[in-house]
Each structure stands twice: as C-alpha cells, then as structure tokens.
Amino acid sequence: MTQYKKKVDLQRAILKAEAWGKEPYSIETHRLKSNDYDTRPEDTDRGYVTDTRYNNGTIVREQFGKVIHVFGKPLSLEQLIEKIKYEKV
C-alpha cells in the first residue's frame, strides 16, 4: 500500500488547499473610493459596498445583497498548496 502514499498525500493537499482557498479572511463594509485594489470607485456612489477577501486571492464586492464585481484572479492550485504550507491551517 505504500506505493500510493504520495498520491494520497497529494490528493489530501489538493482538497485542503481548495477548501482553504474558498474561506474568507476579511470582510469590510465601506464607502471609500481609495482602496489599493479598487478600480471601480463609482460603486460607492450608490451607497455602501461589502468587500470580502478570500484566501485564494480574490475580492468579491457586493452591494444591496448582489455581487457586483470580483477583483483579482484566483491563485492556481499549485500556488494555493504552496501558500498553505506557510499558513497555520
């Protein structure tokens, strides 16, 4: 059975990385027009927005209960696996 140990360990790391990447690590509600990542300052003209940052590198912006924009590109699976090695997951 030890011939499959590396494959099982890799699959375990993949599942852990996928689950961790979907977890939010910060949520902020604001009307700021000067965030470092914000390319859509006009969104706050209509009121407050909620920006949720996820471990996979994306930021999801919602307003009035609807997703209005996603900032960033999700990290690749390899990048997520590498990143969780240094996080306390």
N, C-alpha and C. Protein backbone atom coordinates (compact mmCIF):
# COMPACT_ATOMS: atom_id res chain seq x y z
N MET A 1 0.80 -1.20 0.00
CA MET A 1 0.00 0.00 0.00
C MET A 1 0.84 1.27 0.00
N THR A 2 2.09 1.18 0.35
CA THR A 2 2.91 2.39 0.42
C THR A 2 3.18 2.99 -0.95
N GLN A 3 2.94 2.26 -2.03
CA GLN A 3 3.16 2.83 -3.37
C GLN A 3 2.16 3.94 -3.68
N TYR A 4 1.08 4.01 -2.93
CA TYR A 4 0.07 5.04 -3.16
C TYR A 4 0.16 6.21 -2.18
N LYS A 5 1.09 6.15 -1.26
CA LYS A 5 1.20 7.17 -0.22
C LYS A 5 1.38 8.57 -0.81
N LYS A 6 2.24 8.74 -1.80
CA LYS A 6 2.47 10.06 -2.40
C LYS A 6 1.21 10.58 -3.09
N LYS A 7 0.50 9.70 -3.77
CA LYS A 7 -0.74 10.12 -4.44
C LYS A 7 -1.81 10.52 -3.43
N VAL A 8 -1.91 9.75 -2.35
CA VAL A 8 -2.89 10.07 -1.31
C VAL A 8 -2.52 11.39 -0.63
N ASP A 9 -1.25 11.58 -0.34
CA ASP A 9 -0.81 12.84 0.28
C ASP A 9 -1.07 14.03 -0.63
N LEU A 10 -0.82 13.86 -1.93
CA LEU A 10 -1.08 14.94 -2.88
C LEU A 10 -2.57 15.26 -2.93
N GLN A 11 -3.41 14.24 -2.99
CA GLN A 11 -4.86 14.46 -3.03
C GLN A 11 -5.34 15.14 -1.75
N ARG A 12 -4.77 14.76 -0.62
CA ARG A 12 -5.12 15.39 0.65
C ARG A 12 -4.75 16.88 0.61
N ALA A 13 -3.57 17.19 0.09
CA ALA A 13 -3.12 18.58 -0.02
C ALA A 13 -4.02 19.37 -0.97
N ILE A 14 -4.43 18.76 -2.06
CA ILE A 14 -5.32 19.42 -3.03
C ILE A 14 -6.66 19.76 -2.38
N LEU A 15 -7.26 18.80 -1.70
CA LEU A 15 -8.55 19.03 -1.05
C LEU A 15 -8.45 20.10 0.02
N LYS A 16 -7.37 20.07 0.79
CA LYS A 16 -7.17 21.06 1.84
C LYS A 16 -6.99 22.46 1.23
N ALA A 17 -6.21 22.55 0.16
CA ALA A 17 -5.96 23.83 -0.50
C ALA A 17 -7.23 24.40 -1.12
N GLU A 18 -8.03 23.55 -1.76
CA GLU A 18 -9.28 24.02 -2.37
C GLU A 18 -10.23 24.55 -1.31
N ALA A 19 -10.37 23.84 -0.20
CA ALA A 19 -11.27 24.28 0.86
C ALA A 19 -10.75 25.57 1.50
N TRP A 20 -9.46 25.65 1.75
CA TRP A 20 -8.87 26.83 2.37
C TRP A 20 -9.01 28.05 1.46
N GLY A 21 -8.84 27.87 0.16
CA GLY A 21 -8.94 28.97 -0.79
C GLY A 21 -10.31 29.61 -0.83
N LYS A 22 -11.35 28.84 -0.50
CA LYS A 22 -12.72 29.36 -0.53
C LYS A 22 -13.11 30.09 0.75
N GLU A 23 -12.25 30.04 1.77
CA GLU A 23 -12.57 30.68 3.04
C GLU A 23 -12.25 32.17 2.99
N PRO A 24 -13.16 33.00 3.52
CA PRO A 24 -12.85 34.43 3.59
C PRO A 24 -11.90 34.70 4.74
N TYR A 25 -11.03 35.69 4.58
CA TYR A 25 -10.18 36.07 5.70
C TYR A 25 -10.41 37.50 6.13
N SER A 26 -11.21 38.25 5.38
CA SER A 26 -11.56 39.59 5.84
C SER A 26 -12.81 40.07 5.12
N ILE A 27 -13.64 40.78 5.86
CA ILE A 27 -14.85 41.37 5.29
C ILE A 27 -14.89 42.82 5.75
N GLU A 28 -15.09 43.73 4.81
CA GLU A 28 -15.16 45.13 5.18
C GLU A 28 -16.29 45.82 4.41
N THR A 29 -17.04 46.60 5.12
CA THR A 29 -18.10 47.39 4.52
C THR A 29 -17.68 48.85 4.57
N HIS A 30 -17.80 49.54 3.43
CA HIS A 30 -17.26 50.90 3.37
C HIS A 30 -17.88 51.71 2.22
N ARG A 31 -17.51 52.97 2.19
CA ARG A 31 -17.86 53.87 1.09
C ARG A 31 -16.60 54.55 0.57
N LEU A 32 -15.45 53.93 0.78
CA LEU A 32 -14.17 54.50 0.36
C LEU A 32 -14.03 54.48 -1.16
N LYS A 33 -13.30 55.44 -1.68
CA LYS A 33 -13.02 55.47 -3.11
C LYS A 33 -11.51 55.31 -3.36
N SER A 34 -10.76 54.94 -2.34
CA SER A 34 -9.31 54.95 -2.47
C SER A 34 -8.63 53.65 -2.04
N ASN A 35 -9.30 52.51 -2.14
CA ASN A 35 -8.64 51.25 -1.82
C ASN A 35 -7.57 50.94 -2.86
N ASP A 36 -6.52 50.26 -2.43
CA ASP A 36 -5.41 49.96 -3.33
C ASP A 36 -5.81 49.06 -4.51
N TYR A 37 -6.79 48.23 -4.35
CA TYR A 37 -7.21 47.30 -5.39
C TYR A 37 -8.40 47.81 -6.20
N ASP A 38 -8.98 48.91 -5.77
CA ASP A 38 -10.28 49.35 -6.30
C ASP A 38 -10.13 50.06 -7.65
N THR A 39 -10.68 49.45 -8.66
CA THR A 39 -10.72 50.06 -9.99
C THR A 39 -12.14 50.55 -10.31
N ARG A 40 -13.01 50.47 -9.32
CA ARG A 40 -14.41 50.84 -9.51
C ARG A 40 -14.90 51.75 -8.37
N PRO A 41 -14.29 52.92 -8.20
CA PRO A 41 -14.72 53.80 -7.10
C PRO A 41 -16.15 54.30 -7.26
N GLU A 42 -16.68 54.25 -8.46
CA GLU A 42 -18.06 54.72 -8.69
C GLU A 42 -19.09 53.82 -8.00
N ASP A 43 -18.71 52.61 -7.62
CA ASP A 43 -19.66 51.71 -6.94
C ASP A 43 -20.19 52.30 -5.65
N THR A 44 -19.38 53.09 -4.98
CA THR A 44 -19.79 53.65 -3.69
C THR A 44 -20.68 54.88 -3.85
N ASP A 45 -20.87 55.35 -5.07
CA ASP A 45 -21.78 56.48 -5.28
C ASP A 45 -23.22 56.12 -4.90
N ARG A 46 -23.57 54.84 -5.03
CA ARG A 46 -24.93 54.38 -4.74
C ARG A 46 -25.09 53.93 -3.29
N GLY A 47 -24.03 53.94 -2.51
CA GLY A 47 -24.12 53.52 -1.11
C GLY A 47 -22.95 52.64 -0.72
N TYR A 48 -23.07 52.04 0.44
CA TYR A 48 -22.01 51.18 0.97
C TYR A 48 -21.83 49.93 0.13
N VAL A 49 -20.60 49.43 0.10
CA VAL A 49 -20.29 48.15 -0.53
C VAL A 49 -19.64 47.25 0.51
N THR A 50 -19.72 45.96 0.31
CA THR A 50 -19.06 44.99 1.17
C THR A 50 -18.04 44.23 0.33
N ASP A 51 -16.78 44.32 0.74
CA ASP A 51 -15.69 43.62 0.06
C ASP A 51 -15.24 42.45 0.92
N THR A 52 -15.33 41.25 0.37
CA THR A 52 -14.91 40.04 1.07
C THR A 52 -13.65 39.52 0.40
N ARG A 53 -12.56 39.45 1.16
CA ARG A 53 -11.29 38.93 0.65
C ARG A 53 -11.23 37.44 0.98
N TYR A 54 -10.87 36.65 -0.02
CA TYR A 54 -10.76 35.21 0.16
C TYR A 54 -9.30 34.80 0.12
N ASN A 55 -9.02 33.66 0.73
CA ASN A 55 -7.65 33.15 0.76
C ASN A 55 -7.09 32.85 -0.62
N ASN A 56 -7.95 32.66 -1.61
CA ASN A 56 -7.48 32.35 -2.96
C ASN A 56 -7.03 33.58 -3.74
N GLY A 57 -7.09 34.76 -3.09
CA GLY A 57 -6.59 35.97 -3.71
C GLY A 57 -7.64 36.86 -4.35
N THR A 58 -8.88 36.46 -4.34
CA THR A 58 -9.93 37.27 -4.95
C THR A 58 -10.61 38.14 -3.89
N ILE A 59 -11.23 39.21 -4.37
CA ILE A 59 -12.03 40.09 -3.52
C ILE A 59 -13.39 40.22 -4.21
N VAL A 60 -14.43 39.82 -3.51
CA VAL A 60 -15.78 39.86 -4.06
C VAL A 60 -16.49 41.07 -3.48
N ARG A 61 -16.97 41.94 -4.37
CA ARG A 61 -17.69 43.15 -3.94
C ARG A 61 -19.20 42.92 -4.11
N GLU A 62 -19.91 43.21 -3.03
CA GLU A 62 -21.37 43.10 -3.05
C GLU A 62 -21.98 44.44 -2.66
N GLN A 63 -23.15 44.67 -3.23
CA GLN A 63 -23.92 45.86 -2.86
C GLN A 63 -25.39 45.49 -2.95
N PHE A 64 -26.13 45.84 -1.91
CA PHE A 64 -27.56 45.52 -1.83
C PHE A 64 -27.83 44.03 -1.99
N GLY A 65 -26.91 43.20 -1.45
CA GLY A 65 -27.09 41.75 -1.47
C GLY A 65 -26.74 41.06 -2.76
N LYS A 66 -26.15 41.77 -3.72
CA LYS A 66 -25.79 41.18 -5.01
C LYS A 66 -24.31 41.39 -5.29
N VAL A 67 -23.68 40.38 -5.90
CA VAL A 67 -22.29 40.52 -6.31
C VAL A 67 -22.24 41.47 -7.50
N ILE A 68 -21.43 42.53 -7.38
CA ILE A 68 -21.34 43.48 -8.48
C ILE A 68 -19.97 43.44 -9.17
N HIS A 69 -18.96 42.85 -8.50
CA HIS A 69 -17.65 42.75 -9.15
C HIS A 69 -16.76 41.79 -8.36
N VAL A 70 -15.83 41.15 -9.09
CA VAL A 70 -14.81 40.31 -8.46
C VAL A 70 -13.45 40.87 -8.88
N PHE A 71 -12.67 41.27 -7.89
CA PHE A 71 -11.32 41.79 -8.15
C PHE A 71 -10.32 40.64 -8.06
N GLY A 72 -9.33 40.69 -8.91
CA GLY A 72 -8.25 39.72 -8.85
C GLY A 72 -8.56 38.42 -9.55
N LYS A 73 -7.54 37.63 -9.67
CA LYS A 73 -7.64 36.32 -10.31
C LYS A 73 -7.31 35.27 -9.25
N PRO A 74 -8.09 34.20 -9.16
CA PRO A 74 -7.80 33.19 -8.14
C PRO A 74 -6.41 32.58 -8.34
N LEU A 75 -5.77 32.27 -7.23
CA LEU A 75 -4.48 31.60 -7.30
C LEU A 75 -4.66 30.21 -7.91
N SER A 76 -3.63 29.73 -8.56
CA SER A 76 -3.69 28.38 -9.12
C SER A 76 -3.62 27.37 -7.98
N LEU A 77 -3.97 26.14 -8.27
CA LEU A 77 -3.95 25.08 -7.26
C LEU A 77 -2.54 24.91 -6.70
N GLU A 78 -1.54 24.99 -7.55
CA GLU A 78 -0.16 24.86 -7.10
C GLU A 78 0.22 25.99 -6.15
N GLN A 79 -0.23 27.22 -6.49
CA GLN A 79 0.06 28.37 -5.63
C GLN A 79 -0.64 28.24 -4.28
N LEU A 80 -1.88 27.75 -4.29
CA LEU A 80 -2.60 27.55 -3.04
C LEU A 80 -1.91 26.53 -2.16
N ILE A 81 -1.49 25.42 -2.75
CA ILE A 81 -0.81 24.37 -1.99
C ILE A 81 0.47 24.93 -1.38
N GLU A 82 1.20 25.70 -2.16
CA GLU A 82 2.44 26.30 -1.65
C GLU A 82 2.14 27.30 -0.52
N LYS A 83 1.08 28.08 -0.69
CA LYS A 83 0.76 29.10 0.29
C LYS A 83 0.33 28.50 1.63
N ILE A 84 -0.43 27.42 1.61
CA ILE A 84 -0.89 26.86 2.89
C ILE A 84 0.23 26.19 3.66
N LYS A 85 1.35 25.92 3.01
CA LYS A 85 2.49 25.37 3.74
C LYS A 85 2.98 26.38 4.78
N TYR A 86 2.79 27.67 4.51
CA TYR A 86 3.30 28.72 5.38
C TYR A 86 2.22 29.32 6.29
N GLU A 87 0.99 28.88 6.11
CA GLU A 87 -0.11 29.37 6.93
C GLU A 87 -0.37 28.36 8.03
N LYS A 88 -0.98 28.80 9.10
CA LYS A 88 -1.36 27.89 10.18
C LYS A 88 -2.78 27.39 9.89
N VAL A 89 -2.88 26.40 9.04
CA VAL A 89 -4.18 25.87 8.60
C VAL A 89 -4.45 24.56 9.33
